[in-house]
Amino acid sequence: MSQFKYRVNIVWSDVDQSYLVELPEFATEIQRYFTDGETYEAALKNAQEVLELLVESYQAEGQTLPQPQTLQVA
């Protein structure tokens, strides 16, 4: 799994009292993927698990994986 460099966005939610995580590269017009965690570490661990499941699902269905977005610094 370490060969994949997908982005995860982690933000604190006062409303939910937890960290919310989005996996933006896998978002489509009709679906976005989220997870959460009570701590930052738990949220990151949950994001890793969801990412692994998404990659496995894409590969099992013969779908092309989304291109990871990378930061270009000049």
C-alpha atoms as a PDB file:
ATOM      1  CA  MET A   1       0.000   0.000   0.000  1.00  0.00           C
ATOM      2  CA  SER A   2       2.920   2.352   0.578  1.00  0.00           C
ATOM      3  CA  GLN A   3       3.353   2.846  -3.184  1.00  0.00           C
ATOM      4  CA  PHE A   4       0.129   4.884  -3.220  1.00  0.00           C
ATOM      5  CA  LYS A   5       0.470   8.544  -2.278  1.00  0.00           C
ATOM      6  CA  TYR A   6      -3.151   9.588  -1.854  1.00  0.00           C
ATOM      7  CA  ARG A   7      -4.143  12.701   0.036  1.00  0.00           C
ATOM      8  CA  VAL A   8      -6.308  12.668   3.162  1.00  0.00           C
ATOM      9  CA  ASN A   9      -7.891  15.821   4.556  1.00  0.00           C
ATOM     10  CA  ILE A  10      -8.304  15.724   8.342  1.00  0.00           C
ATOM     11  CA  VAL A  11     -10.247  18.430  10.177  1.00  0.00           C
ATOM     12  CA  TRP A  12     -11.671  18.760  13.687  1.00  0.00           C
ATOM     13  CA  SER A  13     -15.467  19.018  13.950  1.00  0.00           C
ATOM     14  CA  ASP A  14     -16.886  20.784  17.000  1.00  0.00           C
ATOM     15  CA  VAL A  15     -20.342  19.533  16.050  1.00  0.00           C
ATOM     16  CA  ASP A  16     -19.254  15.874  15.925  1.00  0.00           C
ATOM     17  CA  GLN A  17     -16.522  16.195  18.565  1.00  0.00           C
ATOM     18  CA  SER A  18     -14.228  14.129  16.379  1.00  0.00           C
ATOM     19  CA  TYR A  19     -11.780  14.403  13.511  1.00  0.00           C
ATOM     20  CA  LEU A  20     -13.403  14.054  10.095  1.00  0.00           C
ATOM     21  CA  VAL A  21     -11.415  12.644   7.184  1.00  0.00           C
ATOM     22  CA  GLU A  22     -12.033  12.987   3.459  1.00  0.00           C
ATOM     23  CA  LEU A  23     -10.337  10.979   0.689  1.00  0.00           C
ATOM     24  CA  PRO A  24     -10.669  13.510  -2.158  1.00  0.00           C
ATOM     25  CA  GLU A  25      -9.002  11.632  -5.025  1.00  0.00           C
ATOM     26  CA  PHE A  26     -11.728   8.988  -4.870  1.00  0.00           C
ATOM     27  CA  ALA A  27     -14.610  11.493  -4.936  1.00  0.00           C
ATOM     28  CA  THR A  28     -17.023  11.391  -7.855  1.00  0.00           C
ATOM     29  CA  GLU A  29     -19.947  13.574  -8.830  1.00  0.00           C
ATOM     30  CA  ILE A  30     -22.312  11.322  -6.881  1.00  0.00           C
ATOM     31  CA  GLN A  31     -20.153   9.965  -4.052  1.00  0.00           C
ATOM     32  CA  ARG A  32     -17.481  11.163  -1.647  1.00  0.00           C
ATOM     33  CA  TYR A  33     -15.600   9.038   0.868  1.00  0.00           C
ATOM     34  CA  PHE A  34     -15.285  10.008   4.524  1.00  0.00           C
ATOM     35  CA  THR A  35     -14.330   8.448   7.830  1.00  0.00           C
ATOM     36  CA  ASP A  36     -13.659   9.822  11.306  1.00  0.00           C
ATOM     37  CA  GLY A  37     -11.918   9.223  14.610  1.00  0.00           C
ATOM     38  CA  GLU A  38     -12.029  10.457  18.194  1.00  0.00           C
ATOM     39  CA  THR A  39      -8.310  11.260  17.997  1.00  0.00           C
ATOM     40  CA  TYR A  40      -6.136  12.431  15.117  1.00  0.00           C
ATOM     41  CA  GLU A  41      -4.292   9.116  15.186  1.00  0.00           C
ATOM     42  CA  ALA A  42      -7.544   7.126  15.089  1.00  0.00           C
ATOM     43  CA  ALA A  43      -8.817   9.235  12.193  1.00  0.00           C
ATOM     44  CA  LEU A  44      -5.588   8.645  10.264  1.00  0.00           C
ATOM     45  CA  LYS A  45      -5.726   4.890  10.959  1.00  0.00           C
ATOM     46  CA  ASN A  46      -9.347   4.756   9.786  1.00  0.00           C
ATOM     47  CA  ALA A  47      -8.411   6.698   6.646  1.00  0.00           C
ATOM     48  CA  GLN A  48      -5.685   4.133   5.884  1.00  0.00           C
ATOM     49  CA  GLU A  49      -8.181   1.286   6.273  1.00  0.00           C
ATOM     50  CA  VAL A  50     -10.741   2.972   3.987  1.00  0.00           C
ATOM     51  CA  LEU A  51      -8.028   3.737   1.445  1.00  0.00           C
ATOM     52  CA  GLU A  52      -6.910   0.092   1.414  1.00  0.00           C
ATOM     53  CA  LEU A  53     -10.511  -1.051   0.921  1.00  0.00           C
ATOM     54  CA  LEU A  54     -11.053   1.438  -1.909  1.00  0.00           C
ATOM     55  CA  VAL A  55      -7.883   0.331  -3.710  1.00  0.00           C
ATOM     56  CA  GLU A  56      -8.828  -3.348  -3.291  1.00  0.00           C
ATOM     57  CA  SER A  57     -12.341  -2.641  -4.585  1.00  0.00           C
ATOM     58  CA  TYR A  58     -11.109  -0.692  -7.614  1.00  0.00           C
ATOM     59  CA  GLN A  59      -8.640  -3.446  -8.472  1.00  0.00           C
ATOM     60  CA  ALA A  60     -11.197  -6.256  -7.994  1.00  0.00           C
ATOM     61  CA  GLU A  61     -13.636  -4.440 -10.288  1.00  0.00           C
ATOM     62  CA  GLY A  62     -10.958  -3.693 -12.886  1.00  0.00           C
ATOM     63  CA  GLN A  63     -11.350   0.059 -12.436  1.00  0.00           C
ATOM     64  CA  THR A  64      -8.471   2.455 -13.010  1.00  0.00           C
ATOM     65  CA  LEU A  65      -7.232   3.955  -9.755  1.00  0.00           C
ATOM     66  CA  PRO A  66      -7.454   7.729  -9.514  1.00  0.00           C
ATOM     67  CA  GLN A  67      -4.234   9.630 -10.088  1.00  0.00           C
ATOM     68  CA  PRO A  68      -2.801  10.849  -6.755  1.00  0.00           C
ATOM     69  CA  GLN A  69      -2.618  14.634  -6.547  1.00  0.00           C
ATOM     70  CA  THR A  70       0.838  15.904  -5.681  1.00  0.00           C
ATOM     71  CA  LEU A  71       2.083  19.255  -4.468  1.00  0.00           C
ATOM     72  CA  GLN A  72       4.398  21.006  -6.915  1.00  0.00           C
ATOM     73  CA  VAL A  73       6.764  23.435  -5.222  1.00  0.00           C
ATOM     74  CA  ALA A  74       8.729  25.859  -7.364  1.00  0.00           C
END
